[in-house]
């Protein structure tokens, strides 16, 4: 159900991490919140209908949050650099180990 999906991503996830200050709204808890325009208990897809986001005690609108997300091209460039470095380092490590055999 919609309620179970929401609980799985909040309170139950926090319990799995054994973190009492996550997944709840109460004093001394970490409270990053989504404020929605529509009721997700009616349809879980309505979790995409975001009005505001509270992160670290600061309220943002959706455009402010999405403005900090890198473009697909930026992500691909970062991934390519990472993979190039990882592959190069891994191959050097393997070659070194093989040469010692």
Protein backbone atom coordinates (compact mmCIF):
# COMPACT_ATOMS: atom_id res chain seq x y z
CA UNK A 1 0.00 0.00 0.00
CA UNK A 2 1.00 3.64 -0.20
CA UNK A 3 1.33 3.84 3.56
CA UNK A 4 3.66 0.84 3.64
CA UNK A 5 5.82 2.35 0.89
CA UNK A 6 6.16 5.61 2.83
CA UNK A 7 6.93 3.76 6.07
CA UNK A 8 9.52 1.59 4.31
CA UNK A 9 11.39 4.69 3.16
CA UNK A 10 11.19 6.50 6.50
CA UNK A 11 10.60 4.92 9.88
CA UNK A 12 11.38 1.32 8.86
CA UNK A 13 14.58 2.35 7.08
CA UNK A 14 15.64 4.25 10.22
CA UNK A 15 14.93 1.20 12.37
CA UNK A 16 17.02 -0.97 10.05
CA UNK A 17 19.88 1.49 10.55
CA UNK A 18 19.21 1.47 14.30
CA UNK A 19 18.96 5.27 14.26
CA UNK A 20 16.22 6.62 16.50
CA UNK A 21 16.63 10.20 15.26
CA UNK A 22 15.77 9.34 11.65
CA UNK A 23 12.40 8.60 10.10
CA UNK A 24 10.37 10.51 12.69
CA UNK A 25 9.23 14.06 13.34
CA UNK A 26 10.01 14.93 16.95
CA UNK A 27 12.28 17.10 19.05
CA UNK A 28 15.99 16.23 18.64
CA UNK A 29 15.32 14.22 15.46
CA UNK A 30 17.00 14.92 12.14
CA UNK A 31 14.15 16.36 10.10
CA UNK A 32 14.59 16.67 6.36
CA UNK A 33 11.06 16.89 5.00
CA UNK A 34 9.15 16.88 1.75
CA UNK A 35 6.05 19.05 1.72
CA UNK A 36 3.77 17.76 -1.01
CA UNK A 37 0.94 19.39 -2.94
CA UNK A 38 -1.06 16.15 -2.99
CA UNK A 39 -1.79 13.28 -0.63
CA UNK A 40 0.57 10.33 -1.28
CA UNK A 41 -1.73 8.04 0.70
CA UNK A 42 -4.21 8.34 -2.17
CA UNK A 43 -1.59 7.56 -4.83
CA UNK A 44 2.15 7.01 -4.22
CA UNK A 45 2.92 8.80 -7.51
CA UNK A 46 1.90 12.01 -5.76
CA UNK A 47 5.23 11.94 -3.91
CA UNK A 48 6.54 13.54 -7.12
CA UNK A 49 4.25 16.55 -6.66
CA UNK A 50 6.66 18.44 -4.40
CA UNK A 51 5.81 21.86 -2.99
CA UNK A 52 8.84 22.47 -0.73
CA UNK A 53 11.84 20.61 0.67
CA UNK A 54 13.28 21.22 4.12
CA UNK A 55 16.93 20.21 4.30
CA UNK A 56 19.12 21.06 7.27
CA UNK A 57 16.45 23.38 8.63
CA UNK A 58 16.32 25.44 5.41
CA UNK A 59 13.20 25.53 3.22
CA UNK A 60 13.75 25.20 -0.55
CA UNK A 61 11.44 25.11 -3.53
CA UNK A 62 11.83 22.31 -6.06
CA UNK A 63 13.63 24.50 -8.60
CA UNK A 64 16.29 25.46 -6.04
CA UNK A 65 16.94 21.79 -5.27
CA UNK A 66 16.98 20.71 -8.92
CA UNK A 67 19.25 23.61 -9.84
CA UNK A 68 22.06 21.96 -7.90
CA UNK A 69 21.70 18.64 -9.73
CA UNK A 70 24.39 18.19 -12.41
CA UNK A 71 23.34 17.68 -16.03
CA UNK A 72 23.54 14.26 -17.68
CA UNK A 73 26.63 15.43 -19.56
CA UNK A 74 28.35 16.52 -16.32
CA UNK A 75 27.55 13.20 -14.66
CA UNK A 76 28.86 11.23 -17.65
CA UNK A 77 32.10 13.25 -17.71
CA UNK A 78 32.65 12.62 -13.98
CA UNK A 79 31.88 8.92 -14.44
CA UNK A 80 34.27 8.61 -17.37
CA UNK A 81 37.10 10.28 -15.39
CA UNK A 82 36.42 8.04 -12.40
CA UNK A 83 36.29 4.87 -14.48
CA UNK A 84 39.47 5.83 -16.31
CA UNK A 85 41.34 6.35 -13.05
CA UNK A 86 39.86 3.21 -11.46
CA UNK A 87 40.64 1.00 -14.44
CA UNK A 88 44.18 2.37 -14.75
CA UNK A 89 44.89 1.87 -11.03
CA UNK A 90 43.36 -1.62 -11.05
CA UNK A 91 45.39 -2.71 -14.08
CA UNK A 92 48.61 -1.40 -12.51
CA UNK A 93 47.82 -3.26 -9.30
CA UNK A 94 47.16 -6.52 -11.18
CA UNK A 95 50.29 -6.16 -13.32
CA UNK A 96 52.36 -5.56 -10.16
CA UNK A 97 50.97 -8.67 -8.49
CA UNK A 98 51.50 -10.80 -11.58
CA UNK A 99 55.10 -9.63 -11.95
CA UNK A 100 55.83 -10.87 -8.41
CA UNK A 101 54.64 -14.41 -9.15
